[in-house]
Amino acid sequence: MSTDGNSQPPAASGSSANPRAAYQRVKKTPELPAADAVRLRMTPIAAIGTLVWTVALVLTQFFRDDLAASGREWWSACALTGVIVGLLGTAAMAVADKRHFGKAPRARD
């Protein structure tokens, strides 16, 4: 807001009040085409994350007594939750990948 209570910035001499015209006047680079979308399967990424949570769950079971002594017994519950959510996410990504990529092409022998 300017000092005179006006919400519009003061127009300089020779400028237009139309923002689109001002943008076209200062635009220096041409429009570039949008990049193609990256085709990436998400199922392996979700599966790797689930595997990491599974390893964490196994490790918390090995160190259960030490974790309980230090007040960190909740780490096991956190890892178990990560495994459960990871399994759900992996299933969801498998469905999304199947919809996005369609059926895999059959190998010709």
PDB file of N, CA and C in Angstrom:
ATOM      1  N   MET A   1       0.833  -1.158   0.000  1.00  0.00           N
ATOM      2  CA  MET A   1       0.000   0.000   0.000  1.00  0.00           C
ATOM      3  C   MET A   1       0.885   1.230   0.000  1.00  0.00           C
ATOM      4  N   SER A   2       0.538   2.185  -0.776  1.00  0.00           N
ATOM      5  CA  SER A   2       1.344   3.401  -0.841  1.00  0.00           C
ATOM      6  C   SER A   2       1.006   4.315   0.322  1.00  0.00           C
ATOM      7  N   THR A   3       1.781   5.374   0.478  1.00  0.00           N
ATOM      8  CA  THR A   3       1.602   6.275   1.620  1.00  0.00           C
ATOM      9  C   THR A   3       0.332   7.109   1.528  1.00  0.00           C
ATOM     10  N   ASP A   4      -0.228   7.261   0.344  1.00  0.00           N
ATOM     11  CA  ASP A   4      -1.441   8.072   0.223  1.00  0.00           C
ATOM     12  C   ASP A   4      -2.705   7.247   0.444  1.00  0.00           C
ATOM     13  N   GLY A   5      -2.598   5.972   0.911  1.00  0.00           N
ATOM     14  CA  GLY A   5      -3.753   5.147   1.194  1.00  0.00           C
ATOM     15  C   GLY A   5      -4.277   4.415  -0.022  1.00  0.00           C
ATOM     16  N   ASN A   6      -3.604   4.533  -1.132  1.00  0.00           N
ATOM     17  CA  ASN A   6      -4.007   3.900  -2.371  1.00  0.00           C
ATOM     18  C   ASN A   6      -3.379   2.511  -2.423  1.00  0.00           C
ATOM     19  N   SER A   7      -4.142   1.490  -2.807  1.00  0.00           N
ATOM     20  CA  SER A   7      -3.583   0.143  -2.857  1.00  0.00           C
ATOM     21  C   SER A   7      -2.794  -0.104  -4.136  1.00  0.00           C
ATOM     22  N   GLN A   8      -2.927   0.739  -5.124  1.00  0.00           N
ATOM     23  CA  GLN A   8      -2.195   0.591  -6.373  1.00  0.00           C
ATOM     24  C   GLN A   8      -0.858   1.318  -6.265  1.00  0.00           C
ATOM     25  N   PRO A   9       0.210   0.723  -6.808  1.00  0.00           N
ATOM     26  CA  PRO A   9       1.483   1.450  -6.820  1.00  0.00           C
ATOM     27  C   PRO A   9       1.374   2.631  -7.788  1.00  0.00           C
ATOM     28  N   PRO A  10       2.093   3.688  -7.507  1.00  0.00           N
ATOM     29  CA  PRO A  10       2.014   4.843  -8.411  1.00  0.00           C
ATOM     30  C   PRO A  10       2.553   4.485  -9.792  1.00  0.00           C
ATOM     31  N   ALA A  11       1.851   4.908 -10.816  1.00  0.00           N
ATOM     32  CA  ALA A  11       2.263   4.621 -12.187  1.00  0.00           C
ATOM     33  C   ALA A  11       3.357   5.594 -12.593  1.00  0.00           C
ATOM     34  N   ALA A  12       4.439   5.041 -13.141  1.00  0.00           N
ATOM     35  CA  ALA A  12       5.521   5.890 -13.639  1.00  0.00           C
ATOM     36  C   ALA A  12       5.096   6.484 -14.972  1.00  0.00           C
ATOM     37  N   SER A  13       5.750   7.535 -15.354  1.00  0.00           N
ATOM     38  CA  SER A  13       5.376   8.170 -16.614  1.00  0.00           C
ATOM     39  C   SER A  13       5.671   7.231 -17.773  1.00  0.00           C
ATOM     40  N   GLY A  14       4.722   7.079 -18.670  1.00  0.00           N
ATOM     41  CA  GLY A  14       4.894   6.235 -19.841  1.00  0.00           C
ATOM     42  C   GLY A  14       4.540   4.784 -19.596  1.00  0.00           C
ATOM     43  N   SER A  15       4.154   4.406 -18.372  1.00  0.00           N
ATOM     44  CA  SER A  15       3.795   3.005 -18.118  1.00  0.00           C
ATOM     45  C   SER A  15       2.283   2.863 -18.190  1.00  0.00           C
ATOM     46  N   SER A  16       1.859   1.650 -18.436  1.00  0.00           N
ATOM     47  CA  SER A  16       0.428   1.416 -18.494  1.00  0.00           C
ATOM     48  C   SER A  16      -0.039   0.835 -17.170  1.00  0.00           C
ATOM     49  N   ALA A  17      -1.283   1.001 -16.865  1.00  0.00           N
ATOM     50  CA  ALA A  17      -1.836   0.468 -15.629  1.00  0.00           C
ATOM     51  C   ALA A  17      -2.228  -0.993 -15.793  1.00  0.00           C
ATOM     52  N   ASN A  18      -2.188  -1.512 -17.012  1.00  0.00           N
ATOM     53  CA  ASN A  18      -2.556  -2.890 -17.281  1.00  0.00           C
ATOM     54  C   ASN A  18      -1.365  -3.805 -16.953  1.00  0.00           C
ATOM     55  N   PRO A  19      -1.495  -4.700 -15.965  1.00  0.00           N
ATOM     56  CA  PRO A  19      -0.362  -5.556 -15.597  1.00  0.00           C
ATOM     57  C   PRO A  19       0.072  -6.490 -16.715  1.00  0.00           C
ATOM     58  N   ARG A  20      -0.875  -6.972 -17.527  1.00  0.00           N
ATOM     59  CA  ARG A  20      -0.517  -7.864 -18.620  1.00  0.00           C
ATOM     60  C   ARG A  20       0.365  -7.144 -19.636  1.00  0.00           C
ATOM     61  N   ALA A  21       0.026  -5.917 -19.958  1.00  0.00           N
ATOM     62  CA  ALA A  21       0.842  -5.142 -20.904  1.00  0.00           C
ATOM     63  C   ALA A  21       2.218  -4.853 -20.317  1.00  0.00           C
ATOM     64  N   ALA A  22       2.266  -4.573 -19.022  1.00  0.00           N
ATOM     65  CA  ALA A  22       3.552  -4.323 -18.378  1.00  0.00           C
ATOM     66  C   ALA A  22       4.411  -5.582 -18.389  1.00  0.00           C
ATOM     67  N   TYR A  23       3.782  -6.739 -18.170  1.00  0.00           N
ATOM     68  CA  TYR A  23       4.525  -7.998 -18.193  1.00  0.00           C
ATOM     69  C   TYR A  23       5.088  -8.268 -19.583  1.00  0.00           C
ATOM     70  N   GLN A  24       4.295  -8.055 -20.608  1.00  0.00           N
ATOM     71  CA  GLN A  24       4.763  -8.283 -21.979  1.00  0.00           C
ATOM     72  C   GLN A  24       5.916  -7.342 -22.336  1.00  0.00           C
ATOM     73  N   ARG A  25       5.894  -6.164 -21.774  1.00  0.00           N
ATOM     74  CA  ARG A  25       6.931  -5.194 -22.068  1.00  0.00           C
ATOM     75  C   ARG A  25       8.264  -5.589 -21.433  1.00  0.00           C
ATOM     76  N   VAL A  26       8.227  -6.163 -20.224  1.00  0.00           N
ATOM     77  CA  VAL A  26       9.474  -6.505 -19.541  1.00  0.00           C
ATOM     78  C   VAL A  26       9.924  -7.934 -19.796  1.00  0.00           C
ATOM     79  N   LYS A  27       9.081  -8.738 -20.367  1.00  0.00           N
ATOM     80  CA  LYS A  27       9.421 -10.133 -20.613  1.00  0.00           C
ATOM     81  C   LYS A  27      10.563 -10.207 -21.622  1.00  0.00           C
ATOM     82  N   LYS A  28      11.625 -10.898 -21.235  1.00  0.00           N
ATOM     83  CA  LYS A  28      12.816 -10.947 -22.082  1.00  0.00           C
ATOM     84  C   LYS A  28      13.013 -12.314 -22.732  1.00  0.00           C
ATOM     85  N   THR A  29      12.548 -13.381 -22.099  1.00  0.00           N
ATOM     86  CA  THR A  29      12.800 -14.721 -22.617  1.00  0.00           C
ATOM     87  C   THR A  29      11.552 -15.265 -23.296  1.00  0.00           C
ATOM     88  N   PRO A  30      11.729 -16.053 -24.333  1.00  0.00           N
ATOM     89  CA  PRO A  30      10.566 -16.654 -24.992  1.00  0.00           C
ATOM     90  C   PRO A  30       9.994 -17.770 -24.123  1.00  0.00           C
ATOM     91  N   GLU A  31       8.759 -18.131 -24.399  1.00  0.00           N
ATOM     92  CA  GLU A  31       8.128 -19.237 -23.681  1.00  0.00           C
ATOM     93  C   GLU A  31       8.834 -20.542 -24.045  1.00  0.00           C
ATOM     94  N   LEU A  32       9.171 -21.328 -23.039  1.00  0.00           N
ATOM     95  CA  LEU A  32       9.803 -22.617 -23.263  1.00  0.00           C
ATOM     96  C   LEU A  32       8.748 -23.701 -23.128  1.00  0.00           C
ATOM     97  N   PRO A  33       8.851 -24.763 -23.921  1.00  0.00           N
ATOM     98  CA  PRO A  33       7.858 -25.837 -23.781  1.00  0.00           C
ATOM     99  C   PRO A  33       8.032 -26.547 -22.440  1.00  0.00           C
ATOM    100  N   ALA A  34       6.937 -27.051 -21.906  1.00  0.00           N
ATOM    101  CA  ALA A  34       6.988 -27.780 -20.645  1.00  0.00           C
ATOM    102  C   ALA A  34       7.716 -29.104 -20.843  1.00  0.00           C
ATOM    103  N   ALA A  35       8.427 -29.508 -19.838  1.00  0.00           N
ATOM    104  CA  ALA A  35       9.146 -30.779 -19.898  1.00  0.00           C
ATOM    105  C   ALA A  35       8.150 -31.937 -19.858  1.00  0.00           C
ATOM    106  N   ASP A  36       8.529 -33.036 -20.483  1.00  0.00           N
ATOM    107  CA  ASP A  36       7.685 -34.229 -20.427  1.00  0.00           C
ATOM    108  C   ASP A  36       7.655 -34.765 -19.006  1.00  0.00           C
ATOM    109  N   ALA A  37       6.543 -35.366 -18.636  1.00  0.00           N
ATOM    110  CA  ALA A  37       6.418 -35.939 -17.309  1.00  0.00           C
ATOM    111  C   ALA A  37       7.352 -37.138 -17.169  1.00  0.00           C
ATOM    112  N   VAL A  38       7.934 -37.247 -16.011  1.00  0.00           N
ATOM    113  CA  VAL A  38       8.820 -38.376 -15.738  1.00  0.00           C
ATOM    114  C   VAL A  38       7.950 -39.591 -15.434  1.00  0.00           C
ATOM    115  N   ARG A  39       8.212 -40.661 -16.135  1.00  0.00           N
ATOM    116  CA  ARG A  39       7.454 -41.899 -15.913  1.00  0.00           C
ATOM    117  C   ARG A  39       8.265 -42.761 -14.950  1.00  0.00           C
ATOM    118  N   LEU A  40       7.836 -42.774 -13.707  1.00  0.00           N
ATOM    119  CA  LEU A  40       8.573 -43.469 -12.668  1.00  0.00           C
ATOM    120  C   LEU A  40       7.622 -44.376 -11.902  1.00  0.00           C
ATOM    121  N   ARG A  41       8.005 -45.621 -11.755  1.00  0.00           N
ATOM    122  CA  ARG A  41       7.186 -46.556 -10.978  1.00  0.00           C
ATOM    123  C   ARG A  41       7.423 -46.291  -9.489  1.00  0.00           C
ATOM    124  N   MET A  42       6.326 -46.175  -8.744  1.00  0.00           N
ATOM    125  CA  MET A  42       6.406 -45.836  -7.328  1.00  0.00           C
ATOM    126  C   MET A  42       6.408 -47.062  -6.422  1.00  0.00           C
ATOM    127  N   THR A  43       5.992 -48.214  -6.933  1.00  0.00           N
ATOM    128  CA  THR A  43       5.915 -49.412  -6.099  1.00  0.00           C
ATOM    129  C   THR A  43       7.272 -49.796  -5.497  1.00  0.00           C
ATOM    130  N   PRO A  44       8.365 -49.800  -6.265  1.00  0.00           N
ATOM    131  CA  PRO A  44       9.651 -50.159  -5.643  1.00  0.00           C
ATOM    132  C   PRO A  44      10.082 -49.171  -4.557  1.00  0.00           C
ATOM    133  N   ILE A  45       9.758 -47.909  -4.724  1.00  0.00           N
ATOM    134  CA  ILE A  45      10.132 -46.913  -3.722  1.00  0.00           C
ATOM    135  C   ILE A  45       9.381 -47.178  -2.420  1.00  0.00           C
ATOM    136  N   ALA A  46       8.076 -47.447  -2.523  1.00  0.00           N
ATOM    137  CA  ALA A  46       7.283 -47.749  -1.333  1.00  0.00           C
ATOM    138  C   ALA A  46       7.744 -49.053  -0.689  1.00  0.00           C
ATOM    139  N   ALA A  47       8.102 -50.033  -1.504  1.00  0.00           N
ATOM    140  CA  ALA A  47       8.562 -51.322  -0.968  1.00  0.00           C
ATOM    141  C   ALA A  47       9.891 -51.175  -0.231  1.00  0.00           C
ATOM    142  N   ILE A  48      10.779 -50.357  -0.740  1.00  0.00           N
ATOM    143  CA  ILE A  48      12.067 -50.132  -0.067  1.00  0.00           C
ATOM    144  C   ILE A  48      11.840 -49.436   1.273  1.00  0.00           C
ATOM    145  N   GLY A  49      10.939 -48.461   1.304  1.00  0.00           N
ATOM    146  CA  GLY A  49      10.618 -47.793   2.563  1.00  0.00           C
ATOM    147  C   GLY A  49      10.039 -48.759   3.582  1.00  0.00           C
ATOM    148  N   THR A  50       9.174 -49.653   3.121  1.00  0.00           N
ATOM    149  CA  THR A  50       8.602 -50.663   4.010  1.00  0.00           C
ATOM    150  C   THR A  50       9.679 -51.606   4.522  1.00  0.00           C
ATOM    151  N   LEU A  51      10.615 -51.963   3.667  1.00  0.00           N
ATOM    152  CA  LEU A  51      11.728 -52.822   4.077  1.00  0.00           C
ATOM    153  C   LEU A  51      12.575 -52.144   5.156  1.00  0.00           C
ATOM    154  N   VAL A  52      12.813 -50.862   5.018  1.00  0.00           N
ATOM    155  CA  VAL A  52      13.592 -50.124   6.022  1.00  0.00           C
ATOM    156  C   VAL A  52      12.872 -50.145   7.370  1.00  0.00           C
ATOM    157  N   TRP A  53      11.550 -49.919   7.355  1.00  0.00           N
ATOM    158  CA  TRP A  53      10.781 -49.977   8.600  1.00  0.00           C
ATOM    159  C   TRP A  53      10.808 -51.383   9.192  1.00  0.00           C
ATOM    160  N   THR A  54      10.797 -52.414   8.355  1.00  0.00           N
ATOM    161  CA  THR A  54      10.848 -53.792   8.845  1.00  0.00           C
ATOM    162  C   THR A  54      12.179 -54.067   9.530  1.00  0.00           C
ATOM    163  N   VAL A  55      13.265 -53.595   8.954  1.00  0.00           N
ATOM    164  CA  VAL A  55      14.585 -53.746   9.578  1.00  0.00           C
ATOM    165  C   VAL A  55      14.608 -53.016  10.921  1.00  0.00           C
ATOM    166  N   ALA A  56      14.016 -51.828  10.964  1.00  0.00           N
ATOM    167  CA  ALA A  56      13.962 -51.079  12.222  1.00  0.00           C
ATOM    168  C   ALA A  56      13.156 -51.839  13.277  1.00  0.00           C
ATOM    169  N   LEU A  57      12.069 -52.475  12.871  1.00  0.00           N
ATOM    170  CA  LEU A  57      11.258 -53.256  13.806  1.00  0.00           C
ATOM    171  C   LEU A  57      12.046 -54.435  14.357  1.00  0.00           C
ATOM    172  N   VAL A  58      12.769 -55.120  13.497  1.00  0.00           N
ATOM    173  CA  VAL A  58      13.578 -56.265  13.957  1.00  0.00           C
ATOM    174  C   VAL A  58      14.666 -55.788  14.920  1.00  0.00           C
ATOM    175  N   LEU A  59      15.310 -54.685  14.603  1.00  0.00           N
ATOM    176  CA  LEU A  59      16.362 -54.160  15.485  1.00  0.00           C
ATOM    177  C   LEU A  59      15.806 -53.745  16.839  1.00  0.00           C
ATOM    178  N   THR A  60      14.616 -53.145  16.855  1.00  0.00           N
ATOM    179  CA  THR A  60      14.043 -52.761  18.152  1.00  0.00           C
ATOM    180  C   THR A  60      13.699 -53.983  18.993  1.00  0.00           C
ATOM    181  N   GLN A  61      13.414 -55.111  18.357  1.00  0.00           N
ATOM    182  CA  GLN A  61      13.146 -56.330  19.120  1.00  0.00           C
ATOM    183  C   GLN A  61      14.438 -56.900  19.725  1.00  0.00           C
ATOM    184  N   PHE A  62      15.556 -56.747  19.026  1.00  0.00           N
ATOM    185  CA  PHE A  62      16.837 -57.201  19.576  1.00  0.00           C
ATOM    186  C   PHE A  62      17.262 -56.362  20.782  1.00  0.00           C
ATOM    187  N   PHE A  63      16.952 -55.073  20.742  1.00  0.00           N
ATOM    188  CA  PHE A  63      17.378 -54.156  21.800  1.00  0.00           C
ATOM    189  C   PHE A  63      16.206 -53.713  22.674  1.00  0.00           C
ATOM    190  N   ARG A  64      15.224 -54.584  22.830  1.00  0.00           N
ATOM    191  CA  ARG A  64      14.003 -54.236  23.569  1.00  0.00           C
ATOM    192  C   ARG A  64      14.313 -53.830  25.014  1.00  0.00           C
ATOM    193  N   ASP A  65      15.153 -54.569  25.706  1.00  0.00           N
ATOM    194  CA  ASP A  65      15.450 -54.268  27.112  1.00  0.00           C
ATOM    195  C   ASP A  65      16.181 -52.940  27.258  1.00  0.00           C
ATOM    196  N   ASP A  66      17.145 -52.683  26.384  1.00  0.00           N
ATOM    197  CA  ASP A  66      17.876 -51.423  26.439  1.00  0.00           C
ATOM    198  C   ASP A  66      16.966 -50.239  26.146  1.00  0.00           C
ATOM    199  N   LEU A  67      16.073 -50.408  25.188  1.00  0.00           N
ATOM    200  CA  LEU A  67      15.143 -49.320  24.848  1.00  0.00           C
ATOM    201  C   LEU A  67      14.178 -49.054  26.000  1.00  0.00           C
ATOM    202  N   ALA A  68      13.703 -50.114  26.661  1.00  0.00           N
ATOM    203  CA  ALA A  68      12.785 -49.945  27.789  1.00  0.00           C
ATOM    204  C   ALA A  68      13.483 -49.265  28.960  1.00  0.00           C
ATOM    205  N   ALA A  69      14.741 -49.587  29.173  1.00  0.00           N
ATOM    206  CA  ALA A  69      15.489 -48.984  30.276  1.00  0.00           C
ATOM    207  C   ALA A  69      15.711 -47.491  30.057  1.00  0.00           C
ATOM    208  N   SER A  70      15.813 -47.086  28.805  1.00  0.00           N
ATOM    209  CA  SER A  70      16.052 -45.664  28.520  1.00  0.00           C
ATOM    210  C   SER A  70      14.770 -44.899  28.209  1.00  0.00           C
ATOM    211  N   GLY A  71      13.603 -45.563  28.352  1.00  0.00           N
ATOM    212  CA  GLY A  71      12.330 -44.872  28.115  1.00  0.00           C
ATOM    213  C   GLY A  71      11.959 -44.747  26.652  1.00  0.00           C
ATOM    214  N   ARG A  72      12.505 -45.597  25.820  1.00  0.00           N
ATOM    215  CA  ARG A  72      12.231 -45.522  24.378  1.00  0.00           C
ATOM    216  C   ARG A  72      11.544 -46.783  23.863  1.00  0.00           C
ATOM    217  N   GLU A  73      10.709 -47.390  24.690  1.00  0.00           N
ATOM    218  CA  GLU A  73      10.022 -48.602  24.244  1.00  0.00           C
ATOM    219  C   GLU A  73       9.010 -48.309  23.149  1.00  0.00           C
ATOM    220  N   TRP A  74       8.644 -47.046  22.965  1.00  0.00           N
ATOM    221  CA  TRP A  74       7.694 -46.658  21.917  1.00  0.00           C
ATOM    222  C   TRP A  74       8.305 -46.780  20.525  1.00  0.00           C
ATOM    223  N   TRP A  75       9.610 -46.933  20.426  1.00  0.00           N
ATOM    224  CA  TRP A  75      10.239 -47.074  19.109  1.00  0.00           C
ATOM    225  C   TRP A  75       9.717 -48.311  18.380  1.00  0.00           C
ATOM    226  N   SER A  76       9.434 -49.385  19.116  1.00  0.00           N
ATOM    227  CA  SER A  76       8.899 -50.601  18.482  1.00  0.00           C
ATOM    228  C   SER A  76       7.532 -50.338  17.873  1.00  0.00           C
ATOM    229  N   ALA A  77       6.702 -49.613  18.612  1.00  0.00           N
ATOM    230  CA  ALA A  77       5.364 -49.289  18.098  1.00  0.00           C
ATOM    231  C   ALA A  77       5.459 -48.380  16.878  1.00  0.00           C
ATOM    232  N   CYS A  78       6.414 -47.485  16.890  1.00  0.00           N
ATOM    233  CA  CYS A  78       6.612 -46.587  15.735  1.00  0.00           C
ATOM    234  C   CYS A  78       7.049 -47.382  14.514  1.00  0.00           C
ATOM    235  N   ALA A  79       7.962 -48.321  14.709  1.00  0.00           N
ATOM    236  CA  ALA A  79       8.431 -49.141  13.584  1.00  0.00           C
ATOM    237  C   ALA A  79       7.322 -50.042  13.065  1.00  0.00           C
ATOM    238  N   LEU A  80       6.513 -50.602  13.982  1.00  0.00           N
ATOM    239  CA  LEU A  80       5.392 -51.437  13.551  1.00  0.00           C
ATOM    240  C   LEU A  80       4.380 -50.625  12.748  1.00  0.00           C
ATOM    241  N   THR A  81       4.118 -49.404  13.195  1.00  0.00           N
ATOM    242  CA  THR A  81       3.217 -48.522  12.447  1.00  0.00           C
ATOM    243  C   THR A  81       3.785 -48.217  11.069  1.00  0.00           C
ATOM    244  N   GLY A  82       5.099 -48.001  10.989  1.00  0.00           N
ATOM    245  CA  GLY A  82       5.738 -47.769   9.696  1.00  0.00           C
ATOM    246  C   GLY A  82       5.598 -48.945   8.756  1.00  0.00           C
ATOM    247  N   VAL A  83       5.688 -50.157   9.289  1.00  0.00           N
ATOM    248  CA  VAL A  83       5.531 -51.354   8.457  1.00  0.00           C
ATOM    249  C   VAL A  83       4.099 -51.451   7.947  1.00  0.00           C
ATOM    250  N   ILE A  84       3.126 -51.218   8.831  1.00  0.00           N
ATOM    251  CA  ILE A  84       1.720 -51.329   8.431  1.00  0.00           C
ATOM    252  C   ILE A  84       1.365 -50.280   7.386  1.00  0.00           C
ATOM    253  N   VAL A  85       1.748 -49.038   7.634  1.00  0.00           N
ATOM    254  CA  VAL A  85       1.463 -47.979   6.663  1.00  0.00           C
ATOM    255  C   VAL A  85       2.235 -48.222   5.366  1.00  0.00           C
ATOM    256  N   GLY A  86       3.442 -48.751   5.474  1.00  0.00           N
ATOM    257  CA  GLY A  86       4.230 -49.074   4.283  1.00  0.00           C
ATOM    258  C   GLY A  86       3.583 -50.146   3.433  1.00  0.00           C
ATOM    259  N   LEU A  87       3.010 -51.159   4.082  1.00  0.00           N
ATOM    260  CA  LEU A  87       2.317 -52.209   3.323  1.00  0.00           C
ATOM    261  C   LEU A  87       1.091 -51.637   2.606  1.00  0.00           C
ATOM    262  N   LEU A  88       0.343 -50.795   3.308  1.00  0.00           N
ATOM    263  CA  LEU A  88      -0.810 -50.150   2.667  1.00  0.00           C
ATOM    264  C   LEU A  88      -0.369 -49.254   1.508  1.00  0.00           C
ATOM    265  N   GLY A  89       0.710 -48.507   1.722  1.00  0.00           N
ATOM    266  CA  GLY A  89       1.223 -47.623   0.669  1.00  0.00           C
ATOM    267  C   GLY A  89       1.761 -48.383  -0.521  1.00  0.00           C
ATOM    268  N   THR A  90       2.422 -49.503  -0.260  1.00  0.00           N
ATOM    269  CA  THR A  90       2.938 -50.318  -1.360  1.00  0.00           C
ATOM    270  C   THR A  90       1.791 -50.884  -2.189  1.00  0.00           C
ATOM    271  N   ALA A  91       0.727 -51.316  -1.520  1.00  0.00           N
ATOM    272  CA  ALA A  91      -0.441 -51.822  -2.247  1.00  0.00           C
ATOM    273  C   ALA A  91      -1.087 -50.710  -3.067  1.00  0.00           C
ATOM    274  N   ALA A  92      -1.200 -49.538  -2.484  1.00  0.00           N
ATOM    275  CA  ALA A  92      -1.792 -48.409  -3.209  1.00  0.00           C
ATOM    276  C   ALA A  92      -0.929 -48.008  -4.408  1.00  0.00           C
ATOM    277  N   MET A  93       0.375 -48.024  -4.245  1.00  0.00           N
ATOM    278  CA  MET A  93       1.264 -47.664  -5.352  1.00  0.00           C
ATOM    279  C   MET A  93       1.235 -48.722  -6.443  1.00  0.00           C
ATOM    280  N   ALA A  94       1.054 -49.986  -6.069  1.00  0.00           N
ATOM    281  CA  ALA A  94       0.947 -51.044  -7.079  1.00  0.00           C
ATOM    282  C   ALA A  94      -0.299 -50.831  -7.933  1.00  0.00           C
ATOM    283  N   VAL A  95      -1.399 -50.462  -7.300  1.00  0.00           N
ATOM    284  CA  VAL A  95      -2.630 -50.187  -8.052  1.00  0.00           C
ATOM    285  C   VAL A  95      -2.445 -48.953  -8.934  1.00  0.00           C
ATOM    286  N   ALA A  96      -1.828 -47.904  -8.384  1.00  0.00           N
ATOM    287  CA  ALA A  96      -1.614 -46.676  -9.163  1.00  0.00           C
ATOM    288  C   ALA A  96      -0.675 -46.928 -10.339  1.00  0.00           C
ATOM    289  N   ASP A  97       0.385 -47.703 -10.113  1.00  0.00           N
ATOM    290  CA  ASP A  97       1.304 -48.017 -11.213  1.00  0.00           C
ATOM    291  C   ASP A  97       0.615 -48.825 -12.297  1.00  0.00           C
ATOM    292  N   LYS A  98      -0.234 -49.764 -11.887  1.00  0.00           N
ATOM    293  CA  LYS A  98      -0.945 -50.582 -12.871  1.00  0.00           C
ATOM    294  C   LYS A  98      -1.874 -49.707 -13.712  1.00  0.00           C
ATOM    295  N   ARG A  99      -2.543 -48.750 -13.075  1.00  0.00           N
ATOM    296  CA  ARG A  99      -3.416 -47.837 -13.819  1.00  0.00           C
ATOM    297  C   ARG A  99      -2.620 -46.910 -14.729  1.00  0.00           C
ATOM    298  N   HIS A 100      -1.486 -46.428 -14.216  1.00  0.00           N
ATOM    299  CA  HIS A 100      -0.700 -45.446 -14.964  1.00  0.00           C
ATOM    300  C   HIS A 100       0.046 -46.078 -16.135  1.00  0.00           C
ATOM    301  N   PHE A 101       0.643 -47.231 -15.897  1.00  0.00           N
ATOM    302  CA  PHE A 101       1.467 -47.855 -16.925  1.00  0.00           C
ATOM    303  C   PHE A 101       0.731 -48.935 -17.716  1.00  0.00           C
ATOM    304  N   GLY A 102      -0.399 -49.357 -17.227  1.00  0.00           N
ATOM    305  CA  GLY A 102      -1.127 -50.426 -17.910  1.00  0.00           C
ATOM    306  C   GLY A 102      -0.458 -51.752 -17.654  1.00  0.00           C
ATOM    307  N   LYS A 103      -0.930 -52.747 -18.366  1.00  0.00           N
ATOM    308  CA  LYS A 103      -0.327 -54.072 -18.194  1.00  0.00           C
ATOM    309  C   LYS A 103       1.052 -54.093 -18.829  1.00  0.00           C
ATOM    310  N   ALA A 104       1.935 -54.827 -18.203  1.00  0.00           N
ATOM    311  CA  ALA A 104       3.302 -54.929 -18.716  1.00  0.00           C
ATOM    312  C   ALA A 104       3.270 -55.660 -20.057  1.00  0.00           C
ATOM    313  N   PRO A 105       4.072 -55.195 -21.016  1.00  0.00           N
ATOM    314  CA  PRO A 105       4.108 -55.895 -22.301  1.00  0.00           C
ATOM    315  C   PRO A 105       4.719 -57.280 -22.125  1.00  0.00           C
ATOM    316  N   ARG A 106       4.153 -58.248 -22.829  1.00  0.00           N
ATOM    317  CA  ARG A 106       4.654 -59.610 -22.741  1.00  0.00           C
ATOM    318  C   ARG A 106       5.934 -59.746 -23.544  1.00  0.00           C
ATOM    319  N   ALA A 107       6.861 -60.503 -22.955  1.00  0.00           N
ATOM    320  CA  ALA A 107       8.126 -60.747 -23.654  1.00  0.00           C
ATOM    321  C   ALA A 107       7.882 -61.765 -24.775  1.00  0.00           C
ATOM    322  N   ARG A 108       8.378 -61.461 -25.932  1.00  0.00           N
ATOM    323  CA  ARG A 108       8.218 -62.369 -27.067  1.00  0.00           C
ATOM    324  C   ARG A 108       9.393 -63.326 -27.107  1.00  0.00           C
ATOM    325  N   ASP A 109       9.064 -64.616 -27.106  1.00  0.00           N
ATOM    326  CA  ASP A 109      10.128 -65.631 -27.152  1.00  0.00           C
ATOM    327  C   ASP A 109      10.329 -66.147 -28.544  1.00  0.00           C
TER     328      ASP A 109
END
